């Protein structure tokens, strides 16, 4: 018998609390903690991260939901009340990143903070939070790929609980949530490693590295999914955006290196606490 996970973690006074929501909140909390530590190390105030999140998190959630709804608008026009039903999923990370980025632009201007520095301290934490969020997709039995076999999944040496819960809609499925989560964890490790290196990265390049790494992996993993949002015909929204971001981030990195000779090194303030994550 398959050990299927219940999407509901527990009930709170009759209100179902989903694993998806718990994992999203956990990812955000960890990202805030890590970003706050790095903010202090590079000369910002610890409260800068908290103050931004008071505005950025609600806007990111709204942006993530609007992005998802707009690219599947016909479904929500038939039942508009479902637009507000986010407890069981339906948040698009790219929409959240776009809305959060716009909010950060105005926040940094108002508080006289370098937006590049803020993006650099946040980027590794954000990709780690995304990795945790993909586990929430697993709990929701979503973000899966095409049909496969139980033998294939066992060949990946996955825990039985993952194999059992990849049996969706009458067939075993590719665990694309796991592919992306693993890719994101590797990205987190790589960004932290590069960020520690003296005289390697300029201001803003931790963030650009995040964009390059994430968009590259997302492009290929999105192509494996069966629940993608589509722009038109067979063009997946997230694949198109990933390609644009990948090329754009590389071009911007090269342009800044050539045209902005005054760029400061990211790790210019390293001291005795240089190995803080």
Protein backbone atom coordinates (compact mmCIF):
# COMPACT_ATOMS: atom_id res chain seq x y z
CA UNK A 1 0.00 0.00 0.00
CA UNK A 2 1.35 3.42 -0.95
CA UNK A 3 2.21 5.76 1.94
CA UNK A 4 0.48 8.88 0.63
CA UNK A 5 1.17 12.07 2.57
CA UNK A 6 -1.81 14.13 3.69
CA UNK A 7 -1.52 17.70 2.42
CA UNK A 8 -2.96 18.91 5.73
CA UNK A 9 -0.39 18.99 8.52
CA UNK A 10 -2.94 19.58 11.29
CA UNK A 11 -6.15 21.42 12.05
CA UNK A 12 -6.19 24.57 14.14
CA UNK A 13 -9.63 25.16 15.62
CA UNK A 14 -11.15 23.51 12.58
CA UNK A 15 -8.95 25.38 10.08
CA UNK A 16 -6.73 23.05 8.02
CA UNK A 17 -3.06 24.06 8.06
CA UNK A 18 -1.25 22.77 4.99
CA UNK A 19 2.32 21.50 4.82
CA UNK A 20 2.74 23.79 1.82
CA UNK A 21 2.07 26.88 3.94
CA UNK A 22 4.29 25.69 6.79
CA UNK A 23 7.23 25.06 4.47
CA UNK A 24 6.83 28.39 2.68
CA UNK A 25 6.80 30.21 6.03
CA UNK A 26 9.81 28.18 7.22
CA UNK A 27 11.75 29.06 4.07
CA UNK A 28 10.98 32.76 4.52
CA UNK A 29 12.00 32.68 8.19
CA UNK A 30 15.33 30.98 7.42
CA UNK A 31 15.98 33.42 4.57
CA UNK A 32 15.35 36.39 6.87
CA UNK A 33 17.69 35.00 9.55
CA UNK A 34 20.54 34.33 7.13
CA UNK A 35 20.10 37.66 5.33
CA UNK A 36 20.07 39.57 8.61
CA UNK A 37 23.39 38.01 9.66
CA UNK A 38 24.97 38.92 6.35
CA UNK A 39 23.50 42.43 6.45
CA UNK A 40 25.29 43.17 9.73
CA UNK A 41 28.55 41.77 8.36
CA UNK A 42 28.56 44.10 5.34
CA UNK A 43 27.58 47.21 7.25
CA UNK A 44 23.80 47.33 7.00
CA UNK A 45 21.47 47.27 9.97
CA UNK A 46 19.93 43.97 11.03
CA UNK A 47 16.54 45.66 11.04
CA UNK A 48 16.89 46.61 7.37
CA UNK A 49 15.95 43.06 6.37
CA UNK A 50 13.00 42.91 8.78
CA UNK A 51 11.75 46.32 7.71
CA UNK A 52 11.89 45.35 4.06
CA UNK A 53 10.08 42.06 4.67
CA UNK A 54 7.15 43.88 6.27
CA UNK A 55 6.51 45.34 2.81
CA UNK A 56 8.26 42.91 0.52
CA UNK A 57 6.70 39.66 1.73
CA UNK A 58 3.04 40.70 1.28
CA UNK A 59 3.85 42.20 -2.12
CA UNK A 60 5.75 39.07 -3.16
CA UNK A 61 2.80 36.86 -2.22
CA UNK A 62 0.42 39.11 -4.16
CA UNK A 63 2.77 39.15 -7.13
CA UNK A 64 3.24 35.37 -7.05
CA UNK A 65 -0.52 34.84 -7.02
CA UNK A 66 -1.29 37.41 -9.73
CA UNK A 67 1.37 35.91 -12.00
CA UNK A 68 -0.14 32.46 -11.58
CA UNK A 69 -3.72 33.67 -12.07
CA UNK A 70 -2.98 35.84 -15.13
CA UNK A 71 -1.44 32.96 -17.04
CA UNK A 72 -4.35 30.66 -16.23
CA UNK A 73 -7.01 33.36 -16.30
CA UNK A 74 -9.81 31.37 -17.93
CA UNK A 75 -9.98 28.95 -15.00
CA UNK A 76 -10.32 31.79 -12.50
CA UNK A 77 -12.85 33.71 -14.55
CA UNK A 78 -15.12 30.69 -14.23
CA UNK A 79 -14.75 30.69 -10.42
CA UNK A 80 -13.31 34.07 -9.31
CA UNK A 81 -13.39 33.29 -5.59
CA UNK A 82 -10.61 30.75 -6.18
CA UNK A 83 -8.25 33.64 -6.88
CA UNK A 84 -7.97 34.08 -3.11
CA UNK A 85 -7.51 30.39 -2.33
CA UNK A 86 -3.72 30.10 -1.94
CA UNK A 87 -3.59 27.68 0.98
CA UNK A 88 -3.23 24.67 -1.28
CA UNK A 89 -0.81 26.15 -3.83
CA UNK A 90 -0.85 28.36 -6.91
CA UNK A 91 2.04 30.73 -6.21
CA UNK A 92 4.52 31.39 -9.02
CA UNK A 93 8.03 32.15 -7.77
CA UNK A 94 8.85 34.41 -10.71
CA UNK A 95 5.84 36.58 -9.93
CA UNK A 96 6.99 36.84 -6.32
CA UNK A 97 10.52 37.77 -7.35
CA UNK A 98 9.30 40.46 -9.74
CA UNK A 99 6.96 42.03 -7.16
CA UNK A 100 9.58 41.76 -4.43
CA UNK A 101 12.19 43.36 -6.68
CA UNK A 102 9.95 46.33 -7.47
CA UNK A 103 9.21 46.78 -3.76
CA UNK A 104 12.93 46.61 -2.94
CA UNK A 105 13.70 49.33 -5.48
CA UNK A 106 11.45 51.82 -3.71
CA UNK A 107 12.46 50.60 -0.25
CA UNK A 108 16.17 51.03 -0.96
CA UNK A 109 15.61 54.50 -2.42
CA UNK A 110 13.61 55.59 0.63
CA UNK A 111 16.16 54.23 3.12
CA UNK A 112 19.27 55.24 1.11
CA UNK A 113 20.48 51.63 0.87
CA UNK A 114 22.42 50.25 -2.09
CA UNK A 115 19.98 47.99 -3.91
CA UNK A 116 22.88 45.90 -5.23
CA UNK A 117 24.20 45.26 -1.73
CA UNK A 118 20.76 44.28 -0.51
CA UNK A 119 20.26 41.92 -3.44
CA UNK A 120 23.67 40.35 -2.77
CA UNK A 121 22.93 39.61 0.88
CA UNK A 122 19.50 38.21 0.01
CA UNK A 123 20.25 36.08 -3.06
CA UNK A 124 21.70 32.93 -1.40
CA UNK A 125 18.96 32.98 1.23
CA UNK A 126 16.25 33.34 -1.41
CA UNK A 127 17.44 30.35 -3.43
CA UNK A 128 17.56 28.26 -0.24
CA UNK A 129 13.99 29.34 0.57
CA UNK A 130 12.99 28.30 -2.95
CA UNK A 131 14.49 24.85 -2.32
CA UNK A 132 12.38 24.51 0.83
CA UNK A 133 9.31 25.76 -1.01
CA UNK A 134 9.66 23.00 -3.60
CA UNK A 135 9.29 20.46 -0.79
CA UNK A 136 5.97 22.18 -0.15
CA UNK A 137 5.02 21.39 -3.76
CA UNK A 138 5.85 17.75 -3.05
CA UNK A 139 3.53 17.76 -0.03
CA UNK A 140 0.83 19.24 -2.27
CA UNK A 141 1.41 16.59 -4.96
CA UNK A 142 2.15 19.25 -7.57
CA UNK A 143 5.07 20.50 -9.70
CA UNK A 144 5.60 16.98 -11.03
CA UNK A 145 6.81 15.71 -14.38
CA UNK A 146 5.80 13.21 -17.02
CA UNK A 147 4.88 9.60 -16.41
CA UNK A 148 7.67 7.25 -15.48
CA UNK A 149 8.07 3.87 -13.79
CA UNK A 150 8.55 2.76 -10.22
CA UNK A 151 11.77 1.06 -11.31
CA UNK A 152 13.15 4.37 -12.61
CA UNK A 153 12.39 6.11 -9.32
CA UNK A 154 13.98 3.31 -7.33
CA UNK A 155 17.02 3.60 -9.59
CA UNK A 156 17.45 7.17 -8.30
CA UNK A 157 17.83 5.69 -4.79
CA UNK A 158 15.01 7.83 -3.46
CA UNK A 159 13.37 7.24 -0.08
CA UNK A 160 10.26 5.10 -0.39
CA UNK A 161 8.06 7.93 0.86
CA UNK A 162 9.04 10.05 -2.16
CA UNK A 163 8.46 7.16 -4.56
CA UNK A 164 5.04 6.47 -3.07
CA UNK A 165 3.99 10.10 -3.33
CA UNK A 166 5.12 10.36 -6.93
CA UNK A 167 2.19 8.09 -7.79
CA UNK A 168 -0.19 10.80 -9.02
CA UNK A 169 -3.30 10.51 -11.20
CA UNK A 170 -2.82 6.79 -11.71
CA UNK A 171 0.87 6.78 -12.66
CA UNK A 172 4.34 7.33 -11.27
CA UNK A 173 5.73 10.76 -12.13
CA UNK A 174 9.11 12.42 -12.55
CA UNK A 175 10.00 14.17 -9.24
CA UNK A 176 10.72 17.53 -10.83
CA UNK A 177 10.17 19.20 -7.47
CA UNK A 178 13.19 17.26 -6.21
CA UNK A 179 15.31 18.12 -9.23
CA UNK A 180 14.72 21.83 -8.73
CA UNK A 181 15.07 21.69 -4.95
CA UNK A 182 18.41 19.91 -5.31
CA UNK A 183 19.55 22.39 -7.96
CA UNK A 184 18.65 25.26 -5.64
CA UNK A 185 20.53 23.77 -2.67
CA UNK A 186 23.61 23.38 -4.88
CA UNK A 187 23.17 26.99 -5.97
CA UNK A 188 23.02 28.11 -2.34
CA UNK A 189 26.26 26.29 -1.53
CA UNK A 190 27.98 27.70 -4.64
CA UNK A 191 26.89 31.29 -3.97
CA UNK A 192 28.01 31.12 -0.34
CA UNK A 193 31.38 29.72 -1.41
CA UNK A 194 31.91 32.40 -4.08
CA UNK A 195 30.72 35.15 -1.76
CA UNK A 196 33.47 34.28 0.73
CA UNK A 197 36.28 34.52 -1.81
CA UNK A 198 38.39 37.64 -1.54
CA UNK A 199 38.76 39.87 -4.62
CA UNK A 200 36.45 37.67 -6.73
CA UNK A 201 33.01 39.24 -6.95
CA UNK A 202 32.01 42.84 -7.44
CA UNK A 203 28.98 44.41 -5.83
CA UNK A 204 25.84 43.00 -7.43
CA UNK A 205 27.48 39.86 -8.78
CA UNK A 206 26.23 37.51 -6.05
CA UNK A 207 22.73 38.42 -7.16
CA UNK A 208 23.54 38.10 -10.85
CA UNK A 209 25.12 34.73 -10.12
CA UNK A 210 21.87 33.67 -8.49
CA UNK A 211 19.86 34.74 -11.54
CA UNK A 212 22.22 32.88 -13.88
CA UNK A 213 22.24 29.68 -11.82
CA UNK A 214 18.53 29.56 -11.05
CA UNK A 215 17.26 30.50 -14.52
CA UNK A 216 19.56 27.96 -16.21
CA UNK A 217 18.27 25.07 -14.09
CA UNK A 218 14.67 26.25 -14.15
CA UNK A 219 14.66 26.36 -17.97
CA UNK A 220 15.40 22.66 -18.30
CA UNK A 221 13.42 21.45 -15.28
CA UNK A 222 10.36 23.43 -16.37
CA UNK A 223 10.50 21.60 -19.69
CA UNK A 224 10.00 18.34 -17.81
CA UNK A 225 6.89 19.44 -15.93
CA UNK A 226 3.33 18.66 -16.98
CA UNK A 227 1.62 21.44 -15.02
CA UNK A 228 3.35 24.46 -16.55
CA UNK A 229 1.73 27.77 -17.35
CA UNK A 230 1.86 28.50 -21.09
CA UNK A 231 2.44 31.77 -22.88
CA UNK A 232 1.10 30.52 -26.21
CA UNK A 233 1.26 27.30 -28.23
CA UNK A 234 4.00 25.17 -26.66
CA UNK A 235 5.95 28.05 -25.14
CA UNK A 236 6.08 27.74 -21.37
CA UNK A 237 6.00 31.04 -19.48
CA UNK A 238 8.76 30.12 -17.04
CA UNK A 239 11.02 28.77 -19.78
CA UNK A 240 10.71 31.97 -21.80
CA UNK A 241 11.37 34.14 -18.75
CA UNK A 242 14.27 31.92 -17.66
CA UNK A 243 15.95 32.29 -21.06
CA UNK A 244 15.54 36.07 -20.95
CA UNK A 245 16.91 36.31 -17.41
CA UNK A 246 19.84 33.99 -18.13
CA UNK A 247 21.01 35.95 -21.15
CA UNK A 248 20.23 39.30 -19.54
CA UNK A 249 22.13 38.54 -16.32
CA UNK A 250 25.24 37.40 -18.20
CA UNK A 251 25.11 40.46 -20.46
CA UNK A 252 24.67 42.80 -17.48
CA UNK A 253 27.53 41.16 -15.59
CA UNK A 254 29.89 41.60 -18.56
CA UNK A 255 28.71 45.16 -19.23
CA UNK A 256 29.20 46.23 -15.61
CA UNK A 257 32.70 44.77 -15.53
CA UNK A 258 33.69 46.63 -18.71
CA UNK A 259 31.87 49.93 -18.28
CA UNK A 260 31.79 50.48 -14.52
CA UNK A 261 35.42 50.37 -13.44
CA UNK A 262 34.55 51.90 -10.05
CA UNK A 263 32.62 48.82 -8.88
CA UNK A 264 33.50 47.90 -5.32
CA UNK A 265 34.37 44.38 -4.30
CA UNK A 266 31.58 42.65 -2.43
CA UNK A 267 33.88 41.31 0.29
CA UNK A 268 35.73 44.54 0.95
CA UNK A 269 34.44 44.52 4.57
CA UNK A 270 35.52 41.00 5.51
CA UNK A 271 36.85 40.76 9.02
CA UNK A 272 37.02 38.22 11.78
CA UNK A 273 33.48 37.05 11.06
CA UNK A 274 34.15 36.27 7.41
CA UNK A 275 32.79 32.74 7.62
CA UNK A 276 29.36 33.70 8.83
CA UNK A 277 26.79 32.41 6.36
